[in-house]
């Protein structure tokens, strides 16, 4: 294969297939970057990039949930009501929605590297600044700014992970990256319990802001640009050639790069491309699925303990309910990712939607107080199915949208999902007040039924393994 040195670790069949995708143009070889990345080895360097993306998401999840641990302390210290912090919560969610949309456009226009670094810098600086806040209004403003970075980090990190991971590992890698959000929440809980009691809420936010800033410095020094992004910019092909060498994919300096798998689908770029080339129906279906799924997820985050306590369970039991919901979500997301890798995404996602709707519907027939074990098992199962769907949909976005609009497509889906989370803040309170547990559980079941229909309408599902 003249003009091209094959990467170590590929089998003979893979080398033959890879060679078939490489043509000749003039004096230098033409290299298919898609085949090179998707079918090649998963090197230590690539795993390092995925690890850095995961660390960014951990701090994202940490800063997202930190305010929840600080609010009780602030209420006591400032002598104000819990309702006074509603604008703080809403401002953070609104910032996340806007941040998701903007970061996607920035990542597709200027690169994934600076979109990730910029997001981490924004939420790190804003979170740290909350430590200086004199009142609730300032906290709300800073939470909005932090939300811009928090909302931007997850979709851009997911995009970066997708573009550094070979196709056979991609769904699992994206799943693990997204699962770092609840891991970050657990991290926030651990150091909040240590810091709040001894050093106060201001030190909590100083610490929560400083750690992402340290990571941002590391990212500036270590994190490279996405190879697929670079392949679409001939002026940066020299940079790409060196980067591929670090990934055990050595190519000659005079090669030209194409992406046979994706560039044919990139006749249009920018936000409007999400509705062209036959993607309009898939885009609308994915937006609907994200909206309703995140409505269900955040309705649980925000109102599940309240609902359980309202039905007569103890505060401790209510807390266990949310913990089991999250534990089920982590296990379900990993299991679903492995299944999708083998069988594709359509059937597993639809079955998980069915499981989510059925599990919570069955709880409507149970006396939650008299059958606590059954209640906890039902919440575990519901969390397992709902979060499996939510996390797998991120991998679905990475498949549906080609490189030129992948970050925009993923981020726009998250933006609609954030709107759903904002709606859940008001809808959860309204349905619990109006009809108690039965109305709340019915809302969760209905939301996942709509997600089922939306995902069934998506045409470009991740295919079965060949």
Protein backbone atom coordinates (compact mmCIF):
# COMPACT_ATOMS: atom_id res chain seq x y z
CA UNK A 1 0.00 0.00 0.00
CA UNK A 2 2.27 2.77 -1.28
CA UNK A 3 2.33 6.04 0.57
CA UNK A 4 0.63 4.56 3.63
CA UNK A 5 1.98 2.68 6.62
CA UNK A 6 -0.72 0.53 8.22
CA UNK A 7 -1.41 0.92 11.95
CA UNK A 8 -0.20 -1.75 14.27
CA UNK A 9 -2.79 -4.06 15.74
CA UNK A 10 -5.00 -4.58 12.67
CA UNK A 11 -5.71 -8.10 11.49
CA UNK A 12 -5.11 -9.24 7.91
CA UNK A 13 -8.78 -8.93 6.93
CA UNK A 14 -9.00 -5.46 8.44
CA UNK A 15 -5.86 -4.42 6.59
CA UNK A 16 -7.32 -5.64 3.30
CA UNK A 17 -10.55 -3.75 3.90
CA UNK A 18 -8.60 -0.65 4.90
CA UNK A 19 -6.43 -0.87 1.82
CA UNK A 20 -9.53 -1.06 -0.39
CA UNK A 21 -10.67 2.32 0.92
CA UNK A 22 -7.44 4.08 0.00
CA UNK A 23 -7.05 5.43 -3.51
CA UNK A 24 -4.40 7.45 -5.31
CA UNK A 25 -4.45 11.14 -6.23
CA UNK A 26 -1.40 12.59 -7.93
CA UNK A 27 1.91 12.00 -6.20
CA UNK A 28 0.48 11.38 -2.72
CA UNK A 29 -1.91 8.84 -1.34
CA UNK A 30 -5.53 9.62 -0.55
CA UNK A 31 -6.37 8.33 2.93
CA UNK A 32 -9.88 7.54 4.09
CA UNK A 33 -9.87 9.02 7.60
CA UNK A 34 -13.16 7.29 8.45
CA UNK A 35 -11.80 3.81 7.75
CA UNK A 36 -8.55 4.68 9.50
CA UNK A 37 -10.33 5.70 12.71
CA UNK A 38 -13.38 3.44 12.74
CA UNK A 39 -11.64 0.17 11.92
CA UNK A 40 -8.26 0.75 13.54
CA UNK A 41 -6.95 -0.06 17.03
CA UNK A 42 -8.04 1.73 20.22
CA UNK A 43 -4.65 2.99 21.35
CA UNK A 44 -3.55 4.32 24.74
CA UNK A 45 -3.47 7.83 23.35
CA UNK A 46 -7.08 7.59 22.22
CA UNK A 47 -8.08 6.21 25.61
CA UNK A 48 -6.33 9.17 27.23
CA UNK A 49 -8.49 11.58 25.21
CA UNK A 50 -11.63 9.72 26.27
CA UNK A 51 -10.43 9.87 29.89
CA UNK A 52 -9.93 13.64 29.67
CA UNK A 53 -13.42 14.04 28.22
CA UNK A 54 -14.79 11.89 31.04
CA UNK A 55 -13.00 14.04 33.65
CA UNK A 56 -14.59 17.16 32.16
CA UNK A 57 -18.01 15.51 32.46
CA UNK A 58 -17.31 14.48 36.07
CA UNK A 59 -16.65 18.09 37.03
CA UNK A 60 -19.68 19.10 34.96
CA UNK A 61 -21.87 16.74 37.01
CA UNK A 62 -20.24 17.92 40.21
CA UNK A 63 -20.92 21.61 39.54
CA UNK A 64 -24.44 20.82 38.32
CA UNK A 65 -25.51 19.28 41.64
CA UNK A 66 -23.41 21.34 44.03
CA UNK A 67 -26.08 24.01 44.45
CA UNK A 68 -28.52 21.41 45.77
CA UNK A 69 -26.23 20.60 48.67
CA UNK A 70 -25.63 24.28 49.45
CA UNK A 71 -29.26 25.50 49.40
CA UNK A 72 -30.22 24.14 52.87
CA UNK A 73 -27.19 25.85 54.40
CA UNK A 74 -27.97 29.12 52.60
CA UNK A 75 -31.60 29.01 53.74
CA UNK A 76 -30.50 28.69 57.34
CA UNK A 77 -27.71 31.27 57.12
CA UNK A 78 -29.69 33.93 55.25
CA UNK A 79 -33.06 33.18 56.85
CA UNK A 80 -35.01 32.93 53.58
CA UNK A 81 -37.52 30.42 52.21
CA UNK A 82 -36.84 27.49 49.91
CA UNK A 83 -39.04 29.09 47.26
CA UNK A 84 -36.59 31.97 47.04
CA UNK A 85 -34.13 29.58 45.40
CA UNK A 86 -36.50 28.55 42.62
CA UNK A 87 -35.05 31.25 40.31
CA UNK A 88 -31.57 29.91 41.05
CA UNK A 89 -32.53 26.41 39.91
CA UNK A 90 -34.41 27.72 36.88
CA UNK A 91 -31.55 30.04 35.87
CA UNK A 92 -29.09 27.17 35.91
CA UNK A 93 -31.32 24.98 33.73
CA UNK A 94 -31.96 27.84 31.29
CA UNK A 95 -28.22 28.44 30.99
CA UNK A 96 -27.67 24.75 30.28
CA UNK A 97 -30.17 24.81 27.43
CA UNK A 98 -28.59 27.84 25.79
CA UNK A 99 -25.09 26.54 26.45
CA UNK A 100 -25.87 23.22 24.75
CA UNK A 101 -27.07 24.93 21.58
CA UNK A 102 -24.22 27.45 21.38
CA UNK A 103 -21.45 24.97 22.17
CA UNK A 104 -22.55 22.67 19.37
CA UNK A 105 -22.37 25.43 16.79
CA UNK A 106 -18.98 26.56 18.12
CA UNK A 107 -17.61 23.00 18.10
CA UNK A 108 -18.61 22.41 14.48
CA UNK A 109 -17.31 25.80 13.37
CA UNK A 110 -14.12 26.26 15.39
CA UNK A 111 -13.31 22.80 16.71
CA UNK A 112 -14.15 20.41 19.52
CA UNK A 113 -11.00 21.19 21.51
CA UNK A 114 -11.79 24.82 22.33
CA UNK A 115 -15.49 24.09 22.79
CA UNK A 116 -14.61 21.63 25.55
CA UNK A 117 -11.96 23.87 27.12
CA UNK A 118 -14.19 26.94 26.93
CA UNK A 119 -17.10 25.11 28.55
CA UNK A 120 -14.92 23.93 31.45
CA UNK A 121 -13.48 27.42 31.92
CA UNK A 122 -16.92 29.05 31.98
CA UNK A 123 -18.51 26.78 34.55
CA UNK A 124 -15.33 26.68 36.64
CA UNK A 125 -15.02 30.48 36.85
CA UNK A 126 -18.76 31.03 37.44
CA UNK A 127 -19.00 28.32 40.09
CA UNK A 128 -15.99 29.70 41.95
CA UNK A 129 -17.46 33.22 41.79
CA UNK A 130 -20.59 32.05 43.62
CA UNK A 131 -18.40 31.92 46.71
CA UNK A 132 -18.34 35.73 46.67
CA UNK A 133 -22.11 36.14 46.11
CA UNK A 134 -23.86 38.56 48.53
CA UNK A 135 -27.45 37.53 47.74
CA UNK A 136 -29.74 35.13 45.87
CA UNK A 137 -29.99 37.34 42.78
CA UNK A 138 -26.22 37.20 42.22
CA UNK A 139 -26.22 33.44 42.74
CA UNK A 140 -28.99 33.09 40.14
CA UNK A 141 -26.99 35.17 37.64
CA UNK A 142 -23.83 33.15 38.23
CA UNK A 143 -25.75 29.87 38.01
CA UNK A 144 -27.03 30.98 34.61
CA UNK A 145 -23.45 31.66 33.46
CA UNK A 146 -22.25 28.37 34.94
CA UNK A 147 -25.13 26.66 33.14
CA UNK A 148 -23.79 27.93 29.80
CA UNK A 149 -20.59 25.97 30.41
CA UNK A 150 -22.27 22.98 32.05
CA UNK A 151 -24.70 22.65 29.14
CA UNK A 152 -21.91 22.92 26.58
CA UNK A 153 -19.50 20.43 28.13
CA UNK A 154 -21.54 17.23 27.88
CA UNK A 155 -22.46 17.25 24.15
CA UNK A 156 -19.01 18.45 23.06
CA UNK A 157 -17.27 15.85 25.23
CA UNK A 158 -19.59 13.18 23.82
CA UNK A 159 -18.75 14.32 20.29
CA UNK A 160 -15.02 14.26 20.99
CA UNK A 161 -15.32 10.78 22.49
CA UNK A 162 -17.25 9.55 19.45
CA UNK A 163 -14.64 10.86 17.03
CA UNK A 164 -11.67 9.35 18.90
CA UNK A 165 -13.21 5.91 19.44
CA UNK A 166 -13.29 3.09 16.85
CA UNK A 167 -16.81 2.22 15.75
CA UNK A 168 -16.92 -1.12 17.58
CA UNK A 169 -16.29 0.58 20.95
CA UNK A 170 -18.11 3.86 20.33
CA UNK A 171 -21.47 3.24 22.02
CA UNK A 172 -19.83 1.90 25.18
CA UNK A 173 -17.30 4.76 25.30
CA UNK A 174 -20.00 7.42 24.93
CA UNK A 175 -22.11 5.69 27.58
CA UNK A 176 -19.26 5.66 30.08
CA UNK A 177 -18.55 9.32 29.35
CA UNK A 178 -22.18 10.35 29.98
CA UNK A 179 -22.37 8.20 33.11
CA UNK A 180 -19.69 10.45 34.58
CA UNK A 181 -22.49 13.00 35.22
CA UNK A 182 -23.97 11.04 38.17
CA UNK A 183 -20.43 10.11 39.21
CA UNK A 184 -19.72 13.83 39.45
CA UNK A 185 -22.88 14.24 41.52
CA UNK A 186 -21.64 11.57 43.93
CA UNK A 187 -18.29 13.36 44.11
CA UNK A 188 -20.10 16.62 44.90
CA UNK A 189 -22.01 14.91 47.69
CA UNK A 190 -18.85 13.48 49.22
CA UNK A 191 -16.83 16.65 49.42
CA UNK A 192 -19.90 18.77 50.24
CA UNK A 193 -20.43 16.68 53.36
CA UNK A 194 -16.81 17.34 54.35
CA UNK A 195 -16.53 21.02 53.42
CA UNK A 196 -19.95 22.43 54.35
CA UNK A 197 -19.81 21.42 58.00
CA UNK A 198 -16.32 22.73 58.67
CA UNK A 199 -15.62 25.48 56.14
CA UNK A 200 -19.03 26.68 54.93
CA UNK A 201 -20.75 27.07 51.56
CA UNK A 202 -18.39 29.72 50.19
CA UNK A 203 -15.40 27.37 50.44
CA UNK A 204 -17.51 24.69 48.78
CA UNK A 205 -17.97 26.85 45.69
CA UNK A 206 -14.36 28.06 45.71
CA UNK A 207 -13.25 24.43 45.65
CA UNK A 208 -15.85 23.42 43.09
CA UNK A 209 -14.66 26.20 40.79
CA UNK A 210 -10.93 25.67 41.28
CA UNK A 211 -10.88 21.99 40.30
CA UNK A 212 -12.34 22.55 36.79
CA UNK A 213 -9.88 25.41 36.24
CA UNK A 214 -6.99 23.05 36.99
CA UNK A 215 -8.47 20.58 34.51
CA UNK A 216 -8.85 23.36 31.92
CA UNK A 217 -5.10 24.06 32.16
CA UNK A 218 -4.38 20.35 31.66
CA UNK A 219 -6.70 20.27 28.65
CA UNK A 220 -4.93 23.27 27.10
CA UNK A 221 -1.61 21.44 27.41
CA UNK A 222 -2.70 17.92 26.42
CA UNK A 223 -6.01 17.83 24.55
CA UNK A 224 -5.66 17.79 20.73
CA UNK A 225 -8.31 18.57 18.14
CA UNK A 226 -10.58 15.87 16.72
CA UNK A 227 -8.92 14.09 13.77
CA UNK A 228 -12.19 14.01 11.85
CA UNK A 229 -12.58 17.77 12.32
CA UNK A 230 -9.01 18.32 11.09
CA UNK A 231 -9.53 16.10 8.04
CA UNK A 232 -12.06 18.62 6.69
CA UNK A 233 -9.52 21.48 6.79
CA UNK A 234 -6.67 20.97 4.29
CA UNK A 235 -4.62 23.76 5.88
CA UNK A 236 -4.42 21.64 9.05
CA UNK A 237 -3.51 18.33 7.40
CA UNK A 238 0.06 18.62 8.67
CA UNK A 239 -1.32 18.79 12.21
CA UNK A 240 -3.54 15.79 11.46
CA UNK A 241 -0.63 13.74 10.11
CA UNK A 242 1.30 14.24 13.37
CA UNK A 243 -1.80 13.45 15.43
CA UNK A 244 -2.40 10.21 13.55
CA UNK A 245 1.19 9.21 14.28
CA UNK A 246 0.45 9.52 18.00
CA UNK A 247 -2.52 7.19 17.40
CA UNK A 248 -0.36 4.47 15.75
CA UNK A 249 -1.68 5.42 12.32
CA UNK A 250 1.41 6.61 10.45
CA UNK A 251 0.83 8.29 7.10
CA UNK A 252 3.11 10.07 4.66
CA UNK A 253 3.38 13.85 4.86
CA UNK A 254 1.98 14.49 1.36
CA UNK A 255 -1.25 12.51 1.70
CA UNK A 256 -4.71 13.93 1.07
CA UNK A 257 -7.60 13.04 3.39
CA UNK A 258 -11.16 12.09 2.57
CA UNK A 259 -13.97 10.65 4.69
CA UNK A 260 -15.82 8.35 2.31
CA UNK A 261 -18.31 7.30 4.96
CA UNK A 262 -19.50 10.73 5.95
CA UNK A 263 -18.52 13.50 3.55
CA UNK A 264 -21.10 12.38 1.03
CA UNK A 265 -23.72 13.17 3.68
CA UNK A 266 -22.25 16.61 4.37
CA UNK A 267 -23.62 18.58 1.47
CA UNK A 268 -24.92 21.12 3.99
CA UNK A 269 -23.40 22.46 7.21
CA UNK A 270 -24.66 24.53 10.13
CA UNK A 271 -27.93 24.33 12.03
CA UNK A 272 -30.11 24.13 8.90
CA UNK A 273 -28.25 20.96 7.86
CA UNK A 274 -30.14 19.12 10.60
CA UNK A 275 -33.24 19.41 8.40
CA UNK A 276 -31.65 18.63 5.03
CA UNK A 277 -30.47 15.50 3.23
CA UNK A 278 -33.36 13.49 4.64
CA UNK A 279 -32.54 14.22 8.29
CA UNK A 280 -35.53 16.46 9.16
CA UNK A 281 -37.80 13.69 10.42
CA UNK A 282 -35.03 12.08 12.46
CA UNK A 283 -34.06 15.43 13.98
CA UNK A 284 -37.61 16.22 15.07
CA UNK A 285 -38.10 12.72 16.47
CA UNK A 286 -34.82 12.91 18.42
CA UNK A 287 -35.71 16.34 19.80
CA UNK A 288 -39.08 15.02 20.99
CA UNK A 289 -37.43 11.98 22.57
CA UNK A 290 -34.84 14.10 24.40
CA UNK A 291 -37.51 16.54 25.62
CA UNK A 292 -39.76 13.87 27.11
CA UNK A 293 -36.97 11.64 28.42
CA UNK A 294 -35.20 14.46 30.27
CA UNK A 295 -38.59 15.62 31.57
CA UNK A 296 -38.97 12.16 33.12
CA UNK A 297 -35.38 12.08 34.40
CA UNK A 298 -35.47 15.52 36.03
CA UNK A 299 -38.97 14.92 37.40
CA UNK A 300 -37.36 12.06 39.32
CA UNK A 301 -34.31 14.07 40.36
CA UNK A 302 -36.42 16.98 41.59
CA UNK A 303 -39.63 15.42 42.87
CA UNK A 304 -39.27 11.69 43.54
CA UNK A 305 -38.22 12.10 47.21
CA UNK A 306 -40.98 14.68 47.71
CA UNK A 307 -43.59 12.35 46.23
CA UNK A 308 -42.47 9.43 48.40
CA UNK A 309 -42.44 11.55 51.55
CA UNK A 310 -45.85 12.95 50.64
CA UNK A 311 -47.19 9.38 50.50
CA UNK A 312 -45.94 8.66 54.01
CA UNK A 313 -42.45 7.20 53.59
CA UNK A 314 -39.72 8.51 55.85
CA UNK A 315 -37.21 11.05 54.59
CA UNK A 316 -34.55 8.35 54.73
CA UNK A 317 -36.66 5.94 52.68
CA UNK A 318 -37.40 8.69 50.16
CA UNK A 319 -33.67 9.27 49.78
CA UNK A 320 -33.09 5.56 49.26
CA UNK A 321 -35.66 5.64 46.46
CA UNK A 322 -33.71 8.22 44.48
CA UNK A 323 -30.42 6.41 45.20
CA UNK A 324 -31.81 3.14 43.82
CA UNK A 325 -33.20 5.01 40.80
CA UNK A 326 -29.70 6.34 40.04
CA UNK A 327 -28.03 2.98 40.68
CA UNK A 328 -30.44 1.27 38.31
CA UNK A 329 -29.75 4.00 35.75
CA UNK A 330 -25.99 3.40 35.80
CA UNK A 331 -26.36 -0.36 35.41
CA UNK A 332 -29.04 -0.04 32.76
CA UNK A 333 -27.07 2.41 30.65
CA UNK A 334 -24.01 0.13 30.59
CA UNK A 335 -26.07 -2.96 29.80
CA UNK A 336 -27.97 -1.18 27.03
CA UNK A 337 -24.73 0.09 25.49
CA UNK A 338 -23.35 -3.45 25.29
CA UNK A 339 -26.57 -4.76 23.74
CA UNK A 340 -26.67 -1.93 21.17
CA UNK A 341 -23.07 -2.66 20.18
CA UNK A 342 -24.18 -6.16 19.18
CA UNK A 343 -27.79 -5.75 18.02
CA UNK A 344 -28.12 -2.10 16.98
CA UNK A 345 -30.16 0.60 18.69
CA UNK A 346 -33.74 0.34 17.43
CA UNK A 347 -35.05 -2.75 19.27
CA UNK A 348 -33.11 -2.24 22.54
CA UNK A 349 -34.23 1.41 22.85
CA UNK A 350 -37.87 0.57 22.13
CA UNK A 351 -37.81 -2.29 24.64
CA UNK A 352 -36.26 -0.03 27.28
CA UNK A 353 -39.01 2.53 26.69
CA UNK A 354 -41.59 -0.21 27.20
CA UNK A 355 -39.82 -1.30 30.39
CA UNK A 356 -39.73 2.27 31.70
CA UNK A 357 -43.44 2.85 31.08
CA UNK A 358 -44.54 -0.56 32.40
CA UNK A 359 -42.39 -0.50 35.55
CA UNK A 360 -43.74 2.85 36.70
CA UNK A 361 -47.30 1.94 35.67
CA UNK A 362 -47.16 -1.16 37.88
CA UNK A 363 -46.20 1.05 40.82
CA UNK A 364 -49.56 2.80 40.40
CA UNK A 365 -51.21 -0.44 41.57
CA UNK A 366 -49.08 -0.71 44.72
CA UNK A 367 -49.57 0.87 48.13
CA UNK A 368 -46.18 2.54 48.31
CA UNK A 369 -46.07 2.73 52.10
CA UNK A 370 -47.22 -0.84 52.81
CA UNK A 371 -44.96 -2.42 50.19
CA UNK A 372 -41.72 -0.47 50.52
CA UNK A 373 -39.55 -3.26 49.07
CA UNK A 374 -41.72 -3.51 45.96
CA UNK A 375 -41.68 0.28 45.66
CA UNK A 376 -37.89 0.41 45.80
CA UNK A 377 -37.58 -2.43 43.28
CA UNK A 378 -39.95 -0.61 40.92
CA UNK A 379 -37.97 2.63 41.20
CA UNK A 380 -34.73 0.73 40.55
CA UNK A 381 -36.24 -0.84 37.42
CA UNK A 382 -37.68 2.46 36.20
CA UNK A 383 -34.33 4.20 36.66
CA UNK A 384 -32.61 1.34 34.85
CA UNK A 385 -34.79 1.65 31.75
CA UNK A 386 -35.15 5.46 31.62
CA UNK A 387 -31.45 6.21 31.97
CA UNK A 388 -30.54 3.44 29.54
CA UNK A 389 -32.66 5.26 26.96
CA UNK A 390 -31.29 8.72 27.80
CA UNK A 391 -27.63 7.76 27.63
CA UNK A 392 -28.03 5.57 24.52
CA UNK A 393 -29.72 8.44 22.68
CA UNK A 394 -26.44 10.37 22.85
CA UNK A 395 -24.74 7.55 20.96
CA UNK A 396 -27.65 7.59 18.52
CA UNK A 397 -27.01 11.29 17.82
CA UNK A 398 -23.35 10.53 17.10
CA UNK A 399 -24.52 8.00 14.51
CA UNK A 400 -27.32 10.03 12.89
CA UNK A 401 -25.26 13.20 12.32
CA UNK A 402 -22.03 13.23 10.28
CA UNK A 403 -18.89 14.98 11.50
CA UNK A 404 -19.70 18.38 10.00
CA UNK A 405 -22.88 18.74 12.09
CA UNK A 406 -22.39 16.09 14.80
CA UNK A 407 -21.77 18.53 17.64
CA UNK A 408 -24.60 20.80 16.47
CA UNK A 409 -27.03 17.89 16.21
CA UNK A 410 -26.10 16.43 19.61
CA UNK A 411 -26.16 19.82 21.32
CA UNK A 412 -29.51 20.80 19.82
CA UNK A 413 -31.00 17.57 21.14
CA UNK A 414 -29.64 18.36 24.60
CA UNK A 415 -31.10 21.86 24.34
CA UNK A 416 -34.58 20.48 23.80
CA UNK A 417 -33.94 18.04 26.61
CA UNK A 418 -33.05 20.94 28.92
CA UNK A 419 -36.37 22.56 28.07
CA UNK A 420 -38.02 19.34 29.18
CA UNK A 421 -36.09 19.46 32.45
CA UNK A 422 -37.30 23.02 33.07
CA UNK A 423 -40.89 21.93 32.39
CA UNK A 424 -40.43 19.07 34.86
CA UNK A 425 -39.67 21.53 37.64
CA UNK A 426 -43.18 22.98 37.33
CA UNK A 427 -45.02 19.89 36.08
CA UNK A 428 -43.80 17.70 38.93
CA UNK A 429 -45.06 20.10 41.57
CA UNK A 430 -48.38 20.55 39.79
CA UNK A 431 -49.22 16.86 39.35
CA UNK A 432 -48.20 15.90 42.89
CA UNK A 433 -50.35 18.70 44.29
CA UNK A 434 -53.29 17.79 42.05
CA UNK A 435 -53.30 14.01 42.23
CA UNK A 436 -50.52 12.72 44.44
CA UNK A 437 -48.40 9.69 43.59
CA UNK A 438 -50.77 8.23 40.97
CA UNK A 439 -50.73 11.41 38.87
CA UNK A 440 -46.96 11.74 39.23
CA UNK A 441 -46.33 8.12 38.15
CA UNK A 442 -48.79 8.48 35.28
CA UNK A 443 -46.83 11.51 34.05
CA UNK A 444 -43.61 9.47 34.02
CA UNK A 445 -45.28 6.59 32.17
CA UNK A 446 -46.84 8.92 29.58
CA UNK A 447 -43.53 10.68 28.98
CA UNK A 448 -41.74 7.40 28.24
CA UNK A 449 -44.58 6.24 25.99
CA UNK A 450 -44.05 9.36 23.88
CA UNK A 451 -40.30 8.67 23.82
CA UNK A 452 -41.09 5.17 22.53
CA UNK A 453 -43.13 6.55 19.62
CA UNK A 454 -40.48 9.16 18.77
CA UNK A 455 -37.62 6.63 18.72
CA UNK A 456 -39.67 4.21 16.65
CA UNK A 457 -39.95 6.93 14.01
CA UNK A 458 -36.17 7.48 13.78
CA UNK A 459 -34.92 5.92 10.53
CA UNK A 460 -31.13 6.10 11.00
CA UNK A 461 -30.70 3.85 14.04
CA UNK A 462 -27.30 2.36 14.89
CA UNK A 463 -27.10 -0.84 12.80
CA UNK A 464 -26.49 -4.39 14.00
CA UNK A 465 -22.91 -5.60 14.20
CA UNK A 466 -21.99 -7.43 11.03
